[in-house]
N, C-alpha and C. Protein backbone atom coordinates (compact mmCIF):
# COMPACT_ATOMS: atom_id res chain seq x y z
N MET A 1 -4.67 1.63 8.03
CA MET A 1 -3.59 0.84 7.52
C MET A 1 -2.28 1.62 7.63
N LEU A 2 -2.30 2.88 7.23
CA LEU A 2 -1.07 3.69 7.31
C LEU A 2 -0.63 3.88 8.76
N MET A 3 -1.59 4.07 9.65
CA MET A 3 -1.25 4.22 11.07
C MET A 3 -0.66 2.92 11.63
N TYR A 4 -1.21 1.80 11.21
CA TYR A 4 -0.70 0.50 11.64
C TYR A 4 0.76 0.33 11.20
N LEU A 5 1.04 0.65 9.94
CA LEU A 5 2.41 0.52 9.44
C LEU A 5 3.35 1.52 10.12
N SER A 6 2.85 2.71 10.38
CA SER A 6 3.65 3.72 11.07
C SER A 6 3.98 3.26 12.49
N LEU A 7 3.00 2.67 13.16
CA LEU A 7 3.22 2.15 14.51
C LEU A 7 4.25 1.02 14.48
N ASN A 8 4.18 0.17 13.46
CA ASN A 8 5.18 -0.90 13.32
C ASN A 8 6.59 -0.33 13.25
N VAL A 9 6.76 0.75 12.49
CA VAL A 9 8.08 1.37 12.35
C VAL A 9 8.51 1.97 13.68
N THR A 10 7.59 2.64 14.37
CA THR A 10 7.92 3.25 15.67
C THR A 10 8.36 2.19 16.67
N LEU A 11 7.62 1.10 16.74
CA LEU A 11 7.99 0.02 17.67
C LEU A 11 9.31 -0.64 17.27
N ALA A 12 9.53 -0.78 15.97
CA ALA A 12 10.78 -1.38 15.49
C ALA A 12 11.97 -0.46 15.78
N ARG A 13 11.76 0.85 15.71
CA ARG A 13 12.84 1.80 16.04
C ARG A 13 13.32 1.57 17.47
N LYS A 14 12.36 1.38 18.38
CA LYS A 14 12.72 1.14 19.78
C LYS A 14 13.41 -0.21 19.94
N LYS A 15 12.82 -1.24 19.32
CA LYS A 15 13.33 -2.60 19.47
C LYS A 15 14.75 -2.75 18.91
N TYR A 16 15.01 -2.12 17.77
CA TYR A 16 16.31 -2.28 17.11
C TYR A 16 17.24 -1.09 17.31
N SER A 17 16.85 -0.17 18.20
CA SER A 17 17.66 1.00 18.58
C SER A 17 18.10 1.83 17.37
N VAL A 18 17.13 2.19 16.56
CA VAL A 18 17.40 3.05 15.40
C VAL A 18 16.85 4.43 15.74
N LYS A 19 17.75 5.37 15.92
CA LYS A 19 17.37 6.73 16.33
C LYS A 19 17.07 7.60 15.12
N TYR A 20 16.21 8.60 15.35
CA TYR A 20 15.98 9.62 14.32
C TYR A 20 17.23 10.45 14.17
N PRO A 21 17.59 10.94 13.06
CA PRO A 21 16.89 10.95 11.77
C PRO A 21 17.27 9.78 10.86
N ASP A 22 17.96 8.76 11.39
CA ASP A 22 18.37 7.63 10.55
C ASP A 22 17.14 6.93 9.98
N LEU A 23 17.15 6.74 8.68
CA LEU A 23 16.04 6.09 8.01
C LEU A 23 16.19 4.58 8.03
N TYR A 24 17.42 4.11 7.97
CA TYR A 24 17.70 2.68 7.93
C TYR A 24 18.74 2.32 9.00
N SER A 25 18.82 1.03 9.29
CA SER A 25 19.78 0.52 10.25
C SER A 25 20.94 -0.15 9.50
N LYS A 26 22.13 0.06 10.01
CA LYS A 26 23.29 -0.62 9.41
C LYS A 26 23.36 -2.07 9.87
N ASP A 27 22.69 -2.37 10.99
CA ASP A 27 22.82 -3.69 11.62
C ASP A 27 21.59 -4.58 11.51
N SER A 28 20.41 -4.02 11.28
CA SER A 28 19.19 -4.81 11.35
C SER A 28 18.44 -4.85 10.02
N THR A 29 18.51 -5.99 9.38
CA THR A 29 17.78 -6.19 8.13
C THR A 29 16.27 -6.17 8.39
N ILE A 30 15.85 -6.72 9.52
CA ILE A 30 14.42 -6.76 9.82
C ILE A 30 13.87 -5.34 9.96
N PHE A 31 14.58 -4.47 10.67
CA PHE A 31 14.11 -3.09 10.78
C PHE A 31 14.01 -2.46 9.39
N ASN A 32 15.01 -2.67 8.57
CA ASN A 32 15.00 -2.08 7.23
C ASN A 32 13.82 -2.58 6.41
N CYS A 33 13.46 -3.85 6.58
CA CYS A 33 12.30 -4.40 5.86
C CYS A 33 11.00 -3.78 6.37
N ILE A 34 10.89 -3.60 7.68
CA ILE A 34 9.69 -2.97 8.25
C ILE A 34 9.57 -1.54 7.75
N GLN A 35 10.67 -0.81 7.77
CA GLN A 35 10.69 0.57 7.29
C GLN A 35 10.34 0.65 5.81
N ARG A 36 10.90 -0.26 5.03
CA ARG A 36 10.66 -0.25 3.59
C ARG A 36 9.21 -0.59 3.25
N ALA A 37 8.61 -1.51 4.01
CA ALA A 37 7.20 -1.85 3.79
C ALA A 37 6.32 -0.61 3.98
N HIS A 38 6.63 0.17 5.00
CA HIS A 38 5.87 1.40 5.26
C HIS A 38 6.11 2.41 4.14
N GLN A 39 7.35 2.61 3.77
CA GLN A 39 7.67 3.59 2.72
C GLN A 39 7.04 3.22 1.38
N ASN A 40 7.09 1.95 1.04
CA ASN A 40 6.54 1.52 -0.24
C ASN A 40 5.03 1.75 -0.28
N THR A 41 4.37 1.52 0.84
CA THR A 41 2.93 1.77 0.90
C THR A 41 2.64 3.26 0.75
N LEU A 42 3.44 4.09 1.39
CA LEU A 42 3.26 5.54 1.25
C LEU A 42 3.49 6.01 -0.18
N GLU A 43 4.40 5.35 -0.89
CA GLU A 43 4.68 5.72 -2.28
C GLU A 43 3.49 5.40 -3.18
N GLY A 44 2.81 4.31 -2.92
CA GLY A 44 1.68 3.90 -3.76
C GLY A 44 0.36 4.49 -3.36
N TYR A 45 0.28 5.02 -2.14
CA TYR A 45 -0.98 5.51 -1.61
C TYR A 45 -1.61 6.64 -2.43
N PRO A 46 -0.87 7.66 -2.86
CA PRO A 46 -1.51 8.74 -3.64
C PRO A 46 -2.16 8.25 -4.94
N VAL A 47 -1.52 7.32 -5.61
CA VAL A 47 -2.09 6.76 -6.84
C VAL A 47 -3.37 6.03 -6.52
N TRP A 48 -3.32 5.17 -5.49
CA TRP A 48 -4.50 4.42 -5.07
C TRP A 48 -5.64 5.36 -4.70
N LEU A 49 -5.35 6.37 -3.91
CA LEU A 49 -6.38 7.30 -3.45
C LEU A 49 -7.02 8.04 -4.63
N GLY A 50 -6.21 8.51 -5.55
CA GLY A 50 -6.75 9.19 -6.73
C GLY A 50 -7.66 8.29 -7.54
N LEU A 51 -7.24 7.06 -7.76
CA LEU A 51 -8.06 6.12 -8.53
C LEU A 51 -9.36 5.79 -7.81
N VAL A 52 -9.28 5.56 -6.51
CA VAL A 52 -10.48 5.26 -5.73
C VAL A 52 -11.49 6.41 -5.84
N LEU A 53 -11.01 7.63 -5.74
CA LEU A 53 -11.91 8.78 -5.80
C LEU A 53 -12.54 8.95 -7.18
N VAL A 54 -11.77 8.78 -8.23
CA VAL A 54 -12.31 8.91 -9.59
C VAL A 54 -13.38 7.85 -9.85
N VAL A 55 -13.09 6.61 -9.49
CA VAL A 55 -14.04 5.53 -9.72
C VAL A 55 -15.29 5.71 -8.86
N ALA A 56 -15.13 6.22 -7.65
CA ALA A 56 -16.26 6.37 -6.73
C ALA A 56 -17.32 7.34 -7.25
N PHE A 57 -16.95 8.26 -8.14
CA PHE A 57 -17.94 9.18 -8.70
C PHE A 57 -19.04 8.44 -9.45
N THR A 58 -18.67 7.41 -10.17
CA THR A 58 -19.66 6.71 -11.00
C THR A 58 -19.95 5.29 -10.55
N HIS A 59 -19.02 4.66 -9.87
CA HIS A 59 -19.19 3.26 -9.46
C HIS A 59 -18.65 3.05 -8.04
N PRO A 60 -19.37 3.54 -7.03
CA PRO A 60 -18.84 3.48 -5.66
C PRO A 60 -18.60 2.07 -5.13
N LEU A 61 -19.43 1.11 -5.50
CA LEU A 61 -19.23 -0.25 -5.00
C LEU A 61 -18.00 -0.91 -5.63
N ILE A 62 -17.80 -0.67 -6.90
CA ILE A 62 -16.61 -1.20 -7.57
C ILE A 62 -15.36 -0.56 -6.97
N SER A 63 -15.44 0.74 -6.73
CA SER A 63 -14.32 1.46 -6.12
C SER A 63 -13.99 0.88 -4.75
N ALA A 64 -15.03 0.64 -3.96
CA ALA A 64 -14.82 0.08 -2.62
C ALA A 64 -14.23 -1.32 -2.68
N ALA A 65 -14.72 -2.13 -3.61
CA ALA A 65 -14.24 -3.52 -3.71
C ALA A 65 -12.77 -3.57 -4.12
N PHE A 66 -12.43 -2.87 -5.20
CA PHE A 66 -11.03 -2.88 -5.64
C PHE A 66 -10.12 -2.18 -4.63
N GLY A 67 -10.63 -1.13 -4.01
CA GLY A 67 -9.86 -0.43 -2.98
C GLY A 67 -9.57 -1.33 -1.80
N PHE A 68 -10.57 -2.11 -1.40
CA PHE A 68 -10.42 -3.04 -0.28
C PHE A 68 -9.37 -4.11 -0.60
N ILE A 69 -9.39 -4.60 -1.82
CA ILE A 69 -8.39 -5.60 -2.22
C ILE A 69 -6.98 -5.03 -2.05
N TRP A 70 -6.78 -3.80 -2.50
CA TRP A 70 -5.45 -3.19 -2.39
C TRP A 70 -5.05 -3.00 -0.94
N VAL A 71 -5.98 -2.50 -0.11
CA VAL A 71 -5.66 -2.27 1.30
C VAL A 71 -5.29 -3.57 2.00
N THR A 72 -6.08 -4.62 1.80
CA THR A 72 -5.76 -5.89 2.46
C THR A 72 -4.43 -6.44 1.96
N SER A 73 -4.13 -6.20 0.69
CA SER A 73 -2.85 -6.69 0.16
C SER A 73 -1.67 -5.99 0.83
N ARG A 74 -1.85 -4.75 1.23
CA ARG A 74 -0.76 -4.02 1.88
C ARG A 74 -0.45 -4.62 3.25
N PHE A 75 -1.48 -5.12 3.94
CA PHE A 75 -1.23 -5.81 5.21
C PHE A 75 -0.44 -7.10 4.95
N SER A 76 -0.84 -7.86 3.93
CA SER A 76 -0.12 -9.10 3.59
C SER A 76 1.31 -8.79 3.17
N TYR A 77 1.47 -7.75 2.38
CA TYR A 77 2.79 -7.32 1.93
C TYR A 77 3.67 -6.96 3.12
N ALA A 78 3.14 -6.12 4.00
CA ALA A 78 3.92 -5.66 5.15
C ALA A 78 4.25 -6.81 6.10
N HIS A 79 3.29 -7.69 6.32
CA HIS A 79 3.53 -8.82 7.22
C HIS A 79 4.63 -9.72 6.65
N GLY A 80 4.57 -10.00 5.37
CA GLY A 80 5.60 -10.84 4.75
C GLY A 80 6.96 -10.17 4.74
N TYR A 81 6.99 -8.91 4.38
CA TYR A 81 8.25 -8.16 4.29
C TYR A 81 8.87 -7.99 5.67
N SER A 82 8.04 -7.78 6.68
CA SER A 82 8.52 -7.54 8.05
C SER A 82 9.14 -8.78 8.69
N SER A 83 9.02 -9.91 8.03
CA SER A 83 9.62 -11.14 8.56
C SER A 83 11.14 -11.10 8.45
N GLY A 84 11.65 -10.19 7.63
CA GLY A 84 13.09 -10.11 7.41
C GLY A 84 13.52 -10.78 6.12
N ASP A 85 12.59 -11.49 5.50
CA ASP A 85 12.85 -12.13 4.21
C ASP A 85 12.13 -11.32 3.13
N PRO A 86 12.85 -10.48 2.39
CA PRO A 86 12.21 -9.62 1.40
C PRO A 86 11.36 -10.36 0.36
N ASP A 87 11.68 -11.63 0.09
CA ASP A 87 10.89 -12.38 -0.89
C ASP A 87 9.46 -12.61 -0.42
N LYS A 88 9.24 -12.59 0.89
CA LYS A 88 7.89 -12.82 1.42
C LYS A 88 6.97 -11.63 1.18
N ARG A 89 7.52 -10.52 0.70
CA ARG A 89 6.67 -9.37 0.39
C ARG A 89 5.73 -9.68 -0.76
N LEU A 90 6.06 -10.68 -1.55
CA LEU A 90 5.24 -11.06 -2.70
C LEU A 90 3.89 -11.64 -2.28
N ARG A 91 3.72 -11.90 -0.99
CA ARG A 91 2.42 -12.36 -0.49
C ARG A 91 1.35 -11.31 -0.72
N GLY A 92 1.76 -10.08 -0.89
CA GLY A 92 0.81 -9.00 -1.15
C GLY A 92 0.65 -8.67 -2.62
N ALA A 93 1.17 -9.52 -3.49
CA ALA A 93 1.12 -9.23 -4.93
C ALA A 93 -0.30 -9.17 -5.48
N TYR A 94 -1.25 -9.79 -4.77
CA TYR A 94 -2.63 -9.74 -5.25
C TYR A 94 -3.19 -8.32 -5.23
N GLY A 95 -2.48 -7.40 -4.61
CA GLY A 95 -2.91 -6.00 -4.62
C GLY A 95 -2.91 -5.40 -6.01
N TYR A 96 -2.11 -5.98 -6.91
CA TYR A 96 -2.11 -5.50 -8.29
C TYR A 96 -3.45 -5.76 -8.97
N VAL A 97 -4.19 -6.77 -8.51
CA VAL A 97 -5.54 -7.00 -9.02
C VAL A 97 -6.41 -5.80 -8.68
N GLY A 98 -6.35 -5.36 -7.43
CA GLY A 98 -7.13 -4.20 -7.01
C GLY A 98 -6.70 -2.94 -7.71
N LEU A 99 -5.40 -2.72 -7.82
CA LEU A 99 -4.89 -1.51 -8.46
C LEU A 99 -5.21 -1.50 -9.96
N SER A 100 -5.05 -2.64 -10.62
CA SER A 100 -5.37 -2.72 -12.05
C SER A 100 -6.87 -2.53 -12.28
N GLY A 101 -7.67 -3.13 -11.41
CA GLY A 101 -9.12 -2.95 -11.51
C GLY A 101 -9.51 -1.50 -11.35
N LEU A 102 -8.86 -0.82 -10.41
CA LEU A 102 -9.13 0.61 -10.22
C LEU A 102 -8.70 1.43 -11.44
N LEU A 103 -7.56 1.09 -12.01
CA LEU A 103 -7.07 1.84 -13.17
C LEU A 103 -8.02 1.70 -14.36
N ILE A 104 -8.42 0.48 -14.65
CA ILE A 104 -9.35 0.24 -15.76
C ILE A 104 -10.69 0.93 -15.49
N SER A 105 -11.17 0.79 -14.25
CA SER A 105 -12.44 1.42 -13.88
C SER A 105 -12.35 2.94 -13.92
N ALA A 106 -11.20 3.49 -13.56
CA ALA A 106 -11.03 4.95 -13.59
C ALA A 106 -11.08 5.47 -15.02
N VAL A 107 -10.46 4.75 -15.93
CA VAL A 107 -10.52 5.16 -17.35
C VAL A 107 -11.96 5.13 -17.83
N TYR A 108 -12.67 4.05 -17.51
CA TYR A 108 -14.07 3.93 -17.91
C TYR A 108 -14.92 5.02 -17.26
N SER A 109 -14.70 5.28 -15.98
CA SER A 109 -15.44 6.33 -15.27
C SER A 109 -15.18 7.70 -15.88
N ALA A 110 -13.93 7.97 -16.22
CA ALA A 110 -13.60 9.26 -16.84
C ALA A 110 -14.31 9.41 -18.18
N LEU A 111 -14.33 8.34 -18.96
CA LEU A 111 -15.03 8.38 -20.24
C LEU A 111 -16.53 8.61 -20.04
N GLN A 112 -17.09 7.98 -18.99
CA GLN A 112 -18.50 8.20 -18.68
C GLN A 112 -18.76 9.65 -18.28
N LEU A 113 -17.92 10.18 -17.43
CA LEU A 113 -18.10 11.56 -16.97
C LEU A 113 -17.96 12.56 -18.11
N LEU A 114 -17.16 12.22 -19.10
CA LEU A 114 -17.00 13.09 -20.27
C LEU A 114 -18.13 12.89 -21.29
N GLY A 115 -18.97 11.87 -21.05
CA GLY A 115 -20.08 11.59 -21.95
C GLY A 115 -19.66 10.87 -23.22
N TRP A 116 -18.51 10.24 -23.21
CA TRP A 116 -18.01 9.55 -24.39
C TRP A 116 -18.43 8.08 -24.43
N VAL A 117 -19.00 7.60 -23.34
CA VAL A 117 -19.44 6.20 -23.29
C VAL A 117 -20.89 6.17 -22.88
């Protein structure tokens, strides 16, 4: 998923003539949306990865299911955002179901690992 989003940014840099080290374009809203979709995913990835790993210790199938929901939502988010209409990024809002499920499961898993449940 991260490689896919990275490739999207690379191709958009060529298409919209945005040279390194510029992070954003002054002229292309679509490029900026593509770049932002990638950056936002990178910002949330460490949290997602940590939660997936904690939950996987005690409940690997639950971890995989909620993790999968989040990953697929990032594709929907990026596809909507990359259209140039930032409001379409909300198509990936169902990822919060996966992230919330992971958070609740991680708390429960931690309590199990500590022997408190």
